[in-house]
């Protein structure tokens, strides 16, 4: 097992984000999608009760949630650029997306903490929307459907989460007791095949939008490895907004120096080795949870490595 794999395995064992954790991003995304779905399905039942056709429900209700391809229609309903990626009107559609979102989102949270999932989801959804619009205007066979084509569902956003997770941890394996385990790229490939099979009967703009979402997830991780975290501004904006309604907000306490204990016995002068304490390990795990593994210092990585080896 390589060094990075030991770090990842230790993080998964000690830093799991439980379903009941405050501000769990995965549960939040799941909840928003379910609320949108229940809202639409309830309205649909009301229309059915009054013997209205599905076409009426779509033209009067769904159009305010799905994103149209035509820019003139988007200008009338600009909020649909965001609402479309949380909206579903078919049980199998939302069930499929939520299963895949949970599978990949759970791993992504374990690897990067709680503040990367939602930004990746939104970036990928926006990228999918952009590609869908461009394809509808620029691909000749799609132009006749410009004024009637629309996009709905979390496919592009979920694809972005899947690709980001696979790019971040290409050696992650499931069911490790079965002949070494199944690599995550196999699961991703299965997901892509199923996803594209599901849109095979529709126009190509849907497939291209999903590819756009996947590309967004890939680029997010590539930029993150280069030290450019696209989630920071989004999380800061969210924290600022939430703090507007928090009268008990306290100013953050800045620690003057870390609580690190050194043991230099039997070592060369100025050669310090940090003692591994439960408190120090917990501090490092909290940092991973908030910022991600890539923001650890070399010393922190070394402490985490030693803690994993000693099974602290």
C-alpha atoms as a PDB file:
ATOM      1  CA  UNK A   1       0.000   0.000   0.000  1.00  0.00           C
ATOM      2  CA  UNK A   2       1.446   3.378  -1.040  1.00  0.00           C
ATOM      3  CA  UNK A   3       1.790   6.403   1.205  1.00  0.00           C
ATOM      4  CA  UNK A   4      -1.206   8.224  -0.283  1.00  0.00           C
ATOM      5  CA  UNK A   5      -3.328   5.104   0.044  1.00  0.00           C
ATOM      6  CA  UNK A   6      -2.410   4.778   3.740  1.00  0.00           C
ATOM      7  CA  UNK A   7      -3.383   8.385   4.302  1.00  0.00           C
ATOM      8  CA  UNK A   8      -6.696   7.911   2.498  1.00  0.00           C
ATOM      9  CA  UNK A   9      -7.460   4.691   4.356  1.00  0.00           C
ATOM     10  CA  UNK A  10      -6.750   6.342   7.700  1.00  0.00           C
ATOM     11  CA  UNK A  11      -8.930   9.291   6.840  1.00  0.00           C
ATOM     12  CA  UNK A  12     -11.786   6.997   5.899  1.00  0.00           C
ATOM     13  CA  UNK A  13     -11.522   5.099   9.186  1.00  0.00           C
ATOM     14  CA  UNK A  14     -11.168   8.106  11.470  1.00  0.00           C
ATOM     15  CA  UNK A  15     -12.853  10.971   9.645  1.00  0.00           C
ATOM     16  CA  UNK A  16     -16.127   9.615   8.372  1.00  0.00           C
ATOM     17  CA  UNK A  17     -18.875  12.202   8.036  1.00  0.00           C
ATOM     18  CA  UNK A  18     -21.968  10.571   9.493  1.00  0.00           C
ATOM     19  CA  UNK A  19     -25.432  11.057   8.039  1.00  0.00           C
ATOM     20  CA  UNK A  20     -26.378  13.094  11.078  1.00  0.00           C
ATOM     21  CA  UNK A  21     -23.356  15.414  10.937  1.00  0.00           C
ATOM     22  CA  UNK A  22     -24.234  19.083  10.958  1.00  0.00           C
ATOM     23  CA  UNK A  23     -24.180  20.550   7.462  1.00  0.00           C
ATOM     24  CA  UNK A  24     -23.578  17.218   5.725  1.00  0.00           C
ATOM     25  CA  UNK A  25     -23.290  18.302   2.082  1.00  0.00           C
ATOM     26  CA  UNK A  26     -24.359  14.965   0.619  1.00  0.00           C
ATOM     27  CA  UNK A  27     -27.487  14.802   2.759  1.00  0.00           C
ATOM     28  CA  UNK A  28     -28.183  18.418   1.829  1.00  0.00           C
ATOM     29  CA  UNK A  29     -28.033  17.721  -1.918  1.00  0.00           C
ATOM     30  CA  UNK A  30     -30.129  14.600  -1.507  1.00  0.00           C
ATOM     31  CA  UNK A  31     -32.728  16.536   0.512  1.00  0.00           C
ATOM     32  CA  UNK A  32     -33.008  19.392  -1.983  1.00  0.00           C
ATOM     33  CA  UNK A  33     -33.524  16.964  -4.875  1.00  0.00           C
ATOM     34  CA  UNK A  34     -36.185  15.046  -2.948  1.00  0.00           C
ATOM     35  CA  UNK A  35     -38.011  18.240  -1.928  1.00  0.00           C
ATOM     36  CA  UNK A  36     -38.120  19.449  -5.538  1.00  0.00           C
ATOM     37  CA  UNK A  37     -39.334  16.037  -6.678  1.00  0.00           C
ATOM     38  CA  UNK A  38     -42.066  15.802  -4.029  1.00  0.00           C
ATOM     39  CA  UNK A  39     -43.202  19.327  -4.865  1.00  0.00           C
ATOM     40  CA  UNK A  40     -43.534  18.527  -8.558  1.00  0.00           C
ATOM     41  CA  UNK A  41     -45.129  15.127  -8.022  1.00  0.00           C
ATOM     42  CA  UNK A  42     -47.681  16.628  -5.606  1.00  0.00           C
ATOM     43  CA  UNK A  43     -48.663  19.282  -8.118  1.00  0.00           C
ATOM     44  CA  UNK A  44     -48.841  16.578 -10.772  1.00  0.00           C
ATOM     45  CA  UNK A  45     -51.279  14.581  -8.613  1.00  0.00           C
ATOM     46  CA  UNK A  46     -53.449  17.681  -8.218  1.00  0.00           C
ATOM     47  CA  UNK A  47     -53.553  18.070 -11.997  1.00  0.00           C
ATOM     48  CA  UNK A  48     -54.387  14.381 -12.341  1.00  0.00           C
ATOM     49  CA  UNK A  49     -57.183  14.725  -9.766  1.00  0.00           C
ATOM     50  CA  UNK A  50     -58.754  17.448 -11.887  1.00  0.00           C
ATOM     51  CA  UNK A  51     -58.311  15.249 -14.983  1.00  0.00           C
ATOM     52  CA  UNK A  52     -55.743  17.492 -16.618  1.00  0.00           C
ATOM     53  CA  UNK A  53     -53.379  16.011 -19.194  1.00  0.00           C
ATOM     54  CA  UNK A  54     -49.651  15.664 -18.521  1.00  0.00           C
ATOM     55  CA  UNK A  55     -49.054  18.128 -21.338  1.00  0.00           C
ATOM     56  CA  UNK A  56     -50.927  20.758 -19.339  1.00  0.00           C
ATOM     57  CA  UNK A  57     -48.872  20.008 -16.230  1.00  0.00           C
ATOM     58  CA  UNK A  58     -45.665  20.298 -18.240  1.00  0.00           C
ATOM     59  CA  UNK A  59     -46.603  23.540 -19.971  1.00  0.00           C
ATOM     60  CA  UNK A  60     -47.938  25.226 -16.845  1.00  0.00           C
ATOM     61  CA  UNK A  61     -45.650  23.912 -14.097  1.00  0.00           C
ATOM     62  CA  UNK A  62     -42.563  21.996 -15.251  1.00  0.00           C
ATOM     63  CA  UNK A  63     -41.459  24.814 -17.534  1.00  0.00           C
ATOM     64  CA  UNK A  64     -40.660  26.871 -14.438  1.00  0.00           C
ATOM     65  CA  UNK A  65     -38.201  24.208 -13.238  1.00  0.00           C
ATOM     66  CA  UNK A  66     -36.602  22.853 -16.428  1.00  0.00           C
ATOM     67  CA  UNK A  67     -34.081  24.882 -18.416  1.00  0.00           C
ATOM     68  CA  UNK A  68     -35.020  25.667 -22.026  1.00  0.00           C
ATOM     69  CA  UNK A  69     -32.408  25.611 -24.774  1.00  0.00           C
ATOM     70  CA  UNK A  70     -33.439  28.918 -26.350  1.00  0.00           C
ATOM     71  CA  UNK A  71     -31.801  31.993 -24.823  1.00  0.00           C
ATOM     72  CA  UNK A  72     -34.972  34.042 -25.320  1.00  0.00           C
ATOM     73  CA  UNK A  73     -36.863  31.614 -23.087  1.00  0.00           C
ATOM     74  CA  UNK A  74     -34.027  31.487 -20.546  1.00  0.00           C
ATOM     75  CA  UNK A  75     -34.142  35.286 -20.270  1.00  0.00           C
ATOM     76  CA  UNK A  76     -37.765  34.909 -19.172  1.00  0.00           C
ATOM     77  CA  UNK A  77     -36.936  32.199 -16.623  1.00  0.00           C
ATOM     78  CA  UNK A  78     -33.236  32.694 -15.679  1.00  0.00           C
ATOM     79  CA  UNK A  79     -33.588  30.795 -12.378  1.00  0.00           C
ATOM     80  CA  UNK A  80     -34.050  27.558 -14.328  1.00  0.00           C
ATOM     81  CA  UNK A  81     -30.274  27.478 -14.920  1.00  0.00           C
ATOM     82  CA  UNK A  82     -30.078  26.368 -11.282  1.00  0.00           C
ATOM     83  CA  UNK A  83     -33.444  24.703 -10.644  1.00  0.00           C
ATOM     84  CA  UNK A  84     -33.140  22.253 -13.529  1.00  0.00           C
ATOM     85  CA  UNK A  85     -30.261  20.380 -11.833  1.00  0.00           C
ATOM     86  CA  UNK A  86     -32.427  19.637  -8.772  1.00  0.00           C
ATOM     87  CA  UNK A  87     -35.663  18.795 -10.576  1.00  0.00           C
ATOM     88  CA  UNK A  88     -37.128  15.426 -11.612  1.00  0.00           C
ATOM     89  CA  UNK A  89     -40.645  14.399 -12.614  1.00  0.00           C
ATOM     90  CA  UNK A  90     -40.007  10.684 -13.054  1.00  0.00           C
ATOM     91  CA  UNK A  91     -39.425   8.225 -10.197  1.00  0.00           C
ATOM     92  CA  UNK A  92     -36.808   6.161 -12.054  1.00  0.00           C
ATOM     93  CA  UNK A  93     -35.003   9.327 -13.112  1.00  0.00           C
ATOM     94  CA  UNK A  94     -34.496  10.663  -9.594  1.00  0.00           C
ATOM     95  CA  UNK A  95     -33.862   7.203  -8.147  1.00  0.00           C
ATOM     96  CA  UNK A  96     -31.047   6.557 -10.626  1.00  0.00           C
ATOM     97  CA  UNK A  97     -29.422   9.950 -10.117  1.00  0.00           C
ATOM     98  CA  UNK A  98     -29.624   9.809  -6.329  1.00  0.00           C
ATOM     99  CA  UNK A  99     -28.107   6.302  -6.151  1.00  0.00           C
ATOM    100  CA  UNK A 100     -25.116   7.367  -8.247  1.00  0.00           C
ATOM    101  CA  UNK A 101     -24.799  10.702  -6.444  1.00  0.00           C
ATOM    102  CA  UNK A 102     -24.737   8.887  -3.119  1.00  0.00           C
ATOM    103  CA  UNK A 103     -22.189   6.311  -4.315  1.00  0.00           C
ATOM    104  CA  UNK A 104     -19.667   8.827  -5.630  1.00  0.00           C
ATOM    105  CA  UNK A 105     -20.524  11.716  -3.294  1.00  0.00           C
ATOM    106  CA  UNK A 106     -19.896   9.572  -0.212  1.00  0.00           C
ATOM    107  CA  UNK A 107     -16.370   8.749  -1.394  1.00  0.00           C
ATOM    108  CA  UNK A 108     -15.678  12.350  -2.413  1.00  0.00           C
ATOM    109  CA  UNK A 109     -16.675  13.571   1.045  1.00  0.00           C
ATOM    110  CA  UNK A 110     -14.384  11.068   2.726  1.00  0.00           C
ATOM    111  CA  UNK A 111     -11.452  12.204   0.597  1.00  0.00           C
ATOM    112  CA  UNK A 112     -11.928  15.984   0.554  1.00  0.00           C
ATOM    113  CA  UNK A 113     -14.115  16.833   3.507  1.00  0.00           C
ATOM    114  CA  UNK A 114     -17.524  18.463   3.502  1.00  0.00           C
ATOM    115  CA  UNK A 115     -16.914  21.586   1.421  1.00  0.00           C
ATOM    116  CA  UNK A 116     -16.078  20.352  -2.068  1.00  0.00           C
ATOM    117  CA  UNK A 117     -19.144  18.274  -2.996  1.00  0.00           C
ATOM    118  CA  UNK A 118     -21.736  21.032  -3.437  1.00  0.00           C
ATOM    119  CA  UNK A 119     -19.424  23.353  -5.440  1.00  0.00           C
ATOM    120  CA  UNK A 120     -18.500  20.464  -7.772  1.00  0.00           C
ATOM    121  CA  UNK A 121     -22.181  19.594  -8.153  1.00  0.00           C
ATOM    122  CA  UNK A 122     -23.142  23.183  -9.016  1.00  0.00           C
ATOM    123  CA  UNK A 123     -20.155  23.801 -11.308  1.00  0.00           C
ATOM    124  CA  UNK A 124     -20.917  20.593 -13.202  1.00  0.00           C
ATOM    125  CA  UNK A 125     -24.603  21.442 -13.465  1.00  0.00           C
ATOM    126  CA  UNK A 126     -23.778  24.887 -14.856  1.00  0.00           C
ATOM    127  CA  UNK A 127     -21.258  23.411 -17.294  1.00  0.00           C
ATOM    128  CA  UNK A 128     -23.875  20.908 -18.458  1.00  0.00           C
ATOM    129  CA  UNK A 129     -26.350  23.742 -18.987  1.00  0.00           C
ATOM    130  CA  UNK A 130     -23.815  25.752 -21.014  1.00  0.00           C
ATOM    131  CA  UNK A 131     -22.932  22.802 -23.241  1.00  0.00           C
ATOM    132  CA  UNK A 132     -26.639  22.023 -23.736  1.00  0.00           C
ATOM    133  CA  UNK A 133     -27.324  25.583 -24.920  1.00  0.00           C
ATOM    134  CA  UNK A 134     -24.269  25.727 -27.185  1.00  0.00           C
ATOM    135  CA  UNK A 135     -25.050  22.346 -28.723  1.00  0.00           C
ATOM    136  CA  UNK A 136     -28.648  23.370 -29.422  1.00  0.00           C
ATOM    137  CA  UNK A 137     -27.433  26.443 -31.295  1.00  0.00           C
ATOM    138  CA  UNK A 138     -24.293  25.132 -33.001  1.00  0.00           C
ATOM    139  CA  UNK A 139     -25.043  21.501 -33.937  1.00  0.00           C
ATOM    140  CA  UNK A 140     -27.077  21.616 -37.174  1.00  0.00           C
ATOM    141  CA  UNK A 141     -29.297  18.543 -36.504  1.00  0.00           C
ATOM    142  CA  UNK A 142     -30.309  20.056 -33.135  1.00  0.00           C
ATOM    143  CA  UNK A 143     -31.339  23.508 -34.374  1.00  0.00           C
ATOM    144  CA  UNK A 144     -34.900  22.472 -35.379  1.00  0.00           C
ATOM    145  CA  UNK A 145     -35.546  21.521 -31.731  1.00  0.00           C
ATOM    146  CA  UNK A 146     -34.181  24.767 -30.276  1.00  0.00           C
ATOM    147  CA  UNK A 147     -37.503  26.232 -29.170  1.00  0.00           C
ATOM    148  CA  UNK A 148     -38.927  22.977 -27.820  1.00  0.00           C
ATOM    149  CA  UNK A 149     -35.858  21.369 -26.239  1.00  0.00           C
ATOM    150  CA  UNK A 150     -35.290  21.639 -22.486  1.00  0.00           C
ATOM    151  CA  UNK A 151     -33.008  20.139 -19.834  1.00  0.00           C
ATOM    152  CA  UNK A 152     -34.074  18.672 -16.502  1.00  0.00           C
ATOM    153  CA  UNK A 153     -32.461  16.389 -13.942  1.00  0.00           C
ATOM    154  CA  UNK A 154     -29.222  16.025 -11.985  1.00  0.00           C
ATOM    155  CA  UNK A 155     -27.422  13.947 -14.638  1.00  0.00           C
ATOM    156  CA  UNK A 156     -24.776  16.508 -15.601  1.00  0.00           C
ATOM    157  CA  UNK A 157     -24.107  17.482 -11.969  1.00  0.00           C
ATOM    158  CA  UNK A 158     -23.892  13.842 -10.866  1.00  0.00           C
ATOM    159  CA  UNK A 159     -21.585  13.030 -13.768  1.00  0.00           C
ATOM    160  CA  UNK A 160     -19.291  15.818 -12.601  1.00  0.00           C
ATOM    161  CA  UNK A 161     -19.179  14.382  -9.079  1.00  0.00           C
ATOM    162  CA  UNK A 162     -18.438  10.906 -10.462  1.00  0.00           C
ATOM    163  CA  UNK A 163     -15.587  12.074 -12.699  1.00  0.00           C
ATOM    164  CA  UNK A 164     -14.137  14.323  -9.988  1.00  0.00           C
ATOM    165  CA  UNK A 165     -14.098  11.438  -7.507  1.00  0.00           C
ATOM    166  CA  UNK A 166     -12.469   9.094 -10.011  1.00  0.00           C
ATOM    167  CA  UNK A 167      -9.858  11.696 -10.977  1.00  0.00           C
ATOM    168  CA  UNK A 168      -9.064  12.415  -7.335  1.00  0.00           C
ATOM    169  CA  UNK A 169      -8.722   8.763  -6.287  1.00  0.00           C
ATOM    170  CA  UNK A 170      -8.241   6.575  -9.382  1.00  0.00           C
ATOM    171  CA  UNK A 171      -6.878   3.711  -7.244  1.00  0.00           C
ATOM    172  CA  UNK A 172      -9.793   3.636  -4.814  1.00  0.00           C
ATOM    173  CA  UNK A 173     -11.250   0.122  -4.631  1.00  0.00           C
ATOM    174  CA  UNK A 174     -14.534  -1.388  -3.517  1.00  0.00           C
ATOM    175  CA  UNK A 175     -14.927  -4.794  -1.851  1.00  0.00           C
ATOM    176  CA  UNK A 176     -11.211  -5.150  -1.155  1.00  0.00           C
ATOM    177  CA  UNK A 177     -11.660  -8.673   0.169  1.00  0.00           C
ATOM    178  CA  UNK A 178     -12.653  -9.883  -3.306  1.00  0.00           C
ATOM    179  CA  UNK A 179      -9.425 -10.481  -5.188  1.00  0.00           C
ATOM    180  CA  UNK A 180      -7.976  -7.094  -4.278  1.00  0.00           C
ATOM    181  CA  UNK A 181     -11.171  -5.160  -4.885  1.00  0.00           C
ATOM    182  CA  UNK A 182     -12.926  -3.454  -7.788  1.00  0.00           C
ATOM    183  CA  UNK A 183     -11.323  -0.161  -8.941  1.00  0.00           C
ATOM    184  CA  UNK A 184     -13.516   2.915  -8.945  1.00  0.00           C
ATOM    185  CA  UNK A 185     -12.991   3.529 -12.661  1.00  0.00           C
ATOM    186  CA  UNK A 186     -14.952   0.333 -13.370  1.00  0.00           C
ATOM    187  CA  UNK A 187     -17.943   1.723 -11.451  1.00  0.00           C
ATOM    188  CA  UNK A 188     -17.564   5.035 -13.267  1.00  0.00           C
ATOM    189  CA  UNK A 189     -17.504   3.279 -16.637  1.00  0.00           C
ATOM    190  CA  UNK A 190     -20.664   1.356 -15.751  1.00  0.00           C
ATOM    191  CA  UNK A 191     -22.340   4.597 -14.720  1.00  0.00           C
ATOM    192  CA  UNK A 192     -21.392   6.349 -17.964  1.00  0.00           C
ATOM    193  CA  UNK A 193     -22.692   3.454 -20.084  1.00  0.00           C
ATOM    194  CA  UNK A 194     -25.995   3.364 -18.188  1.00  0.00           C
ATOM    195  CA  UNK A 195     -26.349   7.140 -18.330  1.00  0.00           C
ATOM    196  CA  UNK A 196     -25.749   7.375 -22.051  1.00  0.00           C
ATOM    197  CA  UNK A 197     -28.007   4.414 -22.723  1.00  0.00           C
ATOM    198  CA  UNK A 198     -30.754   6.302 -20.931  1.00  0.00           C
ATOM    199  CA  UNK A 199     -30.490   9.299 -23.284  1.00  0.00           C
ATOM    200  CA  UNK A 200     -29.943   7.282 -26.460  1.00  0.00           C
ATOM    201  CA  UNK A 201     -33.540   7.803 -27.536  1.00  0.00           C
ATOM    202  CA  UNK A 202     -33.343  11.593 -27.015  1.00  0.00           C
ATOM    203  CA  UNK A 203     -31.385  14.230 -28.912  1.00  0.00           C
ATOM    204  CA  UNK A 204     -27.614  14.424 -28.616  1.00  0.00           C
ATOM    205  CA  UNK A 205     -27.737  17.662 -26.620  1.00  0.00           C
ATOM    206  CA  UNK A 206     -28.493  15.642 -23.474  1.00  0.00           C
ATOM    207  CA  UNK A 207     -25.445  13.436 -23.942  1.00  0.00           C
ATOM    208  CA  UNK A 208     -23.230  16.435 -24.622  1.00  0.00           C
ATOM    209  CA  UNK A 209     -24.508  18.214 -21.497  1.00  0.00           C
ATOM    210  CA  UNK A 210     -23.561  15.191 -19.387  1.00  0.00           C
ATOM    211  CA  UNK A 211     -20.099  15.210 -20.939  1.00  0.00           C
ATOM    212  CA  UNK A 212     -19.841  18.900 -20.075  1.00  0.00           C
ATOM    213  CA  UNK A 213     -20.647  18.107 -16.460  1.00  0.00           C
ATOM    214  CA  UNK A 214     -18.014  15.369 -16.378  1.00  0.00           C
ATOM    215  CA  UNK A 215     -15.391  17.693 -17.869  1.00  0.00           C
ATOM    216  CA  UNK A 216     -16.165  20.284 -15.202  1.00  0.00           C
ATOM    217  CA  UNK A 217     -15.546  17.733 -12.435  1.00  0.00           C
ATOM    218  CA  UNK A 218     -12.270  16.711 -14.037  1.00  0.00           C
ATOM    219  CA  UNK A 219     -11.042  20.307 -14.353  1.00  0.00           C
ATOM    220  CA  UNK A 220     -12.013  21.089 -10.758  1.00  0.00           C
ATOM    221  CA  UNK A 221      -9.708  18.362  -9.440  1.00  0.00           C
ATOM    222  CA  UNK A 222      -6.876  19.292 -11.822  1.00  0.00           C
ATOM    223  CA  UNK A 223      -7.016  22.911 -10.656  1.00  0.00           C
ATOM    224  CA  UNK A 224      -7.275  21.803  -7.023  1.00  0.00           C
ATOM    225  CA  UNK A 225      -4.022  19.863  -7.377  1.00  0.00           C
ATOM    226  CA  UNK A 226      -2.407  23.050  -8.655  1.00  0.00           C
ATOM    227  CA  UNK A 227      -3.526  24.927  -5.561  1.00  0.00           C
ATOM    228  CA  UNK A 228      -6.543  26.634  -7.136  1.00  0.00           C
ATOM    229  CA  UNK A 229      -9.586  25.720  -5.062  1.00  0.00           C
ATOM    230  CA  UNK A 230     -12.763  26.777  -6.850  1.00  0.00           C
ATOM    231  CA  UNK A 231     -14.895  25.977  -3.813  1.00  0.00           C
ATOM    232  CA  UNK A 232     -13.482  28.645  -1.474  1.00  0.00           C
ATOM    233  CA  UNK A 233     -15.466  31.624  -2.724  1.00  0.00           C
ATOM    234  CA  UNK A 234     -18.681  29.621  -2.829  1.00  0.00           C
ATOM    235  CA  UNK A 235     -18.247  28.357   0.736  1.00  0.00           C
ATOM    236  CA  UNK A 236     -17.271  31.844   1.940  1.00  0.00           C
ATOM    237  CA  UNK A 237     -20.393  33.285   0.326  1.00  0.00           C
ATOM    238  CA  UNK A 238     -22.527  30.641   2.003  1.00  0.00           C
ATOM    239  CA  UNK A 239     -20.916  31.256   5.408  1.00  0.00           C
ATOM    240  CA  UNK A 240     -21.370  35.023   5.039  1.00  0.00           C
ATOM    241  CA  UNK A 241     -25.018  34.632   4.118  1.00  0.00           C
ATOM    242  CA  UNK A 242     -25.738  32.245   6.995  1.00  0.00           C
ATOM    243  CA  UNK A 243     -23.938  34.485   9.489  1.00  0.00           C
ATOM    244  CA  UNK A 244     -26.275  37.345   8.579  1.00  0.00           C
ATOM    245  CA  UNK A 245     -28.979  35.452  10.460  1.00  0.00           C
ATOM    246  CA  UNK A 246     -26.769  34.382  13.371  1.00  0.00           C
ATOM    247  CA  UNK A 247     -26.806  37.055  16.120  1.00  0.00           C
ATOM    248  CA  UNK A 248     -24.625  34.882  18.346  1.00  0.00           C
ATOM    249  CA  UNK A 249     -21.757  34.716  15.862  1.00  0.00           C
ATOM    250  CA  UNK A 250     -18.427  34.976  17.636  1.00  0.00           C
ATOM    251  CA  UNK A 251     -15.186  36.283  16.217  1.00  0.00           C
ATOM    252  CA  UNK A 252     -12.833  33.428  15.362  1.00  0.00           C
ATOM    253  CA  UNK A 253     -10.057  32.806  17.849  1.00  0.00           C
ATOM    254  CA  UNK A 254      -6.680  32.794  16.154  1.00  0.00           C
ATOM    255  CA  UNK A 255      -4.237  30.316  17.642  1.00  0.00           C
ATOM    256  CA  UNK A 256      -0.796  31.898  18.167  1.00  0.00           C
ATOM    257  CA  UNK A 257       0.982  28.576  17.860  1.00  0.00           C
ATOM    258  CA  UNK A 258      -0.039  24.999  17.321  1.00  0.00           C
ATOM    259  CA  UNK A 259      -0.285  22.667  20.298  1.00  0.00           C
ATOM    260  CA  UNK A 260       2.513  20.382  19.267  1.00  0.00           C
ATOM    261  CA  UNK A 261       4.686  18.477  21.730  1.00  0.00           C
ATOM    262  CA  UNK A 262       8.205  17.566  20.660  1.00  0.00           C
ATOM    263  CA  UNK A 263      10.438  14.765  21.782  1.00  0.00           C
ATOM    264  CA  UNK A 264      14.121  15.340  20.991  1.00  0.00           C
ATOM    265  CA  UNK A 265      15.643  12.674  23.264  1.00  0.00           C
ATOM    266  CA  UNK A 266      18.423  10.727  21.539  1.00  0.00           C
ATOM    267  CA  UNK A 267      18.201  12.871  18.393  1.00  0.00           C
ATOM    268  CA  UNK A 268      20.467  15.429  16.797  1.00  0.00           C
ATOM    269  CA  UNK A 269      20.094  19.057  17.894  1.00  0.00           C
ATOM    270  CA  UNK A 270      17.268  20.905  16.169  1.00  0.00           C
ATOM    271  CA  UNK A 271      15.894  17.626  14.768  1.00  0.00           C
ATOM    272  CA  UNK A 272      12.340  17.659  16.117  1.00  0.00           C
ATOM    273  CA  UNK A 273       9.834  14.866  15.807  1.00  0.00           C
ATOM    274  CA  UNK A 274       6.238  15.563  16.767  1.00  0.00           C
ATOM    275  CA  UNK A 275       4.702  13.324  19.383  1.00  0.00           C
ATOM    276  CA  UNK A 276       1.499  11.792  18.113  1.00  0.00           C
ATOM    277  CA  UNK A 277      -1.344  12.729  20.421  1.00  0.00           C
ATOM    278  CA  UNK A 278      -5.051  12.169  19.958  1.00  0.00           C
ATOM    279  CA  UNK A 279      -5.619  15.909  20.085  1.00  0.00           C
ATOM    280  CA  UNK A 280      -3.098  16.575  17.310  1.00  0.00           C
ATOM    281  CA  UNK A 281      -4.545  13.844  15.104  1.00  0.00           C
ATOM    282  CA  UNK A 282      -8.051  15.206  15.612  1.00  0.00           C
ATOM    283  CA  UNK A 283      -6.862  18.702  14.635  1.00  0.00           C
ATOM    284  CA  UNK A 284      -5.398  17.343  11.402  1.00  0.00           C
ATOM    285  CA  UNK A 285      -8.574  15.400  10.641  1.00  0.00           C
ATOM    286  CA  UNK A 286     -10.645  18.537  11.217  1.00  0.00           C
ATOM    287  CA  UNK A 287      -8.406  20.395   8.766  1.00  0.00           C
ATOM    288  CA  UNK A 288      -8.936  17.649   6.167  1.00  0.00           C
ATOM    289  CA  UNK A 289     -12.664  17.833   6.763  1.00  0.00           C
ATOM    290  CA  UNK A 290     -12.715  21.581   6.174  1.00  0.00           C
ATOM    291  CA  UNK A 291     -10.101  22.022   3.425  1.00  0.00           C
ATOM    292  CA  UNK A 292      -9.105  18.616   2.066  1.00  0.00           C
ATOM    293  CA  UNK A 293      -5.995  16.438   2.237  1.00  0.00           C
ATOM    294  CA  UNK A 294      -4.074  18.484  -0.346  1.00  0.00           C
ATOM    295  CA  UNK A 295      -3.829  21.448   2.047  1.00  0.00           C
ATOM    296  CA  UNK A 296      -1.915  19.577   4.757  1.00  0.00           C
ATOM    297  CA  UNK A 297       1.682  20.545   5.489  1.00  0.00           C
ATOM    298  CA  UNK A 298       4.460  17.975   5.159  1.00  0.00           C
ATOM    299  CA  UNK A 299       4.634  17.715   8.947  1.00  0.00           C
ATOM    300  CA  UNK A 300       0.905  17.052   9.208  1.00  0.00           C
ATOM    301  CA  UNK A 301       1.078  14.405   6.498  1.00  0.00           C
ATOM    302  CA  UNK A 302       3.948  12.735   8.347  1.00  0.00           C
ATOM    303  CA  UNK A 303       1.984  12.722  11.613  1.00  0.00           C
ATOM    304  CA  UNK A 304      -1.022  11.214   9.854  1.00  0.00           C
ATOM    305  CA  UNK A 305       1.172   8.586   8.225  1.00  0.00           C
ATOM    306  CA  UNK A 306       2.715   7.592  11.546  1.00  0.00           C
ATOM    307  CA  UNK A 307      -0.683   7.524  13.219  1.00  0.00           C
ATOM    308  CA  UNK A 308      -1.974   5.177  10.522  1.00  0.00           C
ATOM    309  CA  UNK A 309       1.047   2.882  10.930  1.00  0.00           C
ATOM    310  CA  UNK A 310       0.686   2.840  14.702  1.00  0.00           C
ATOM    311  CA  UNK A 311      -3.109   2.492  14.411  1.00  0.00           C
ATOM    312  CA  UNK A 312      -3.624   5.269  16.932  1.00  0.00           C
END
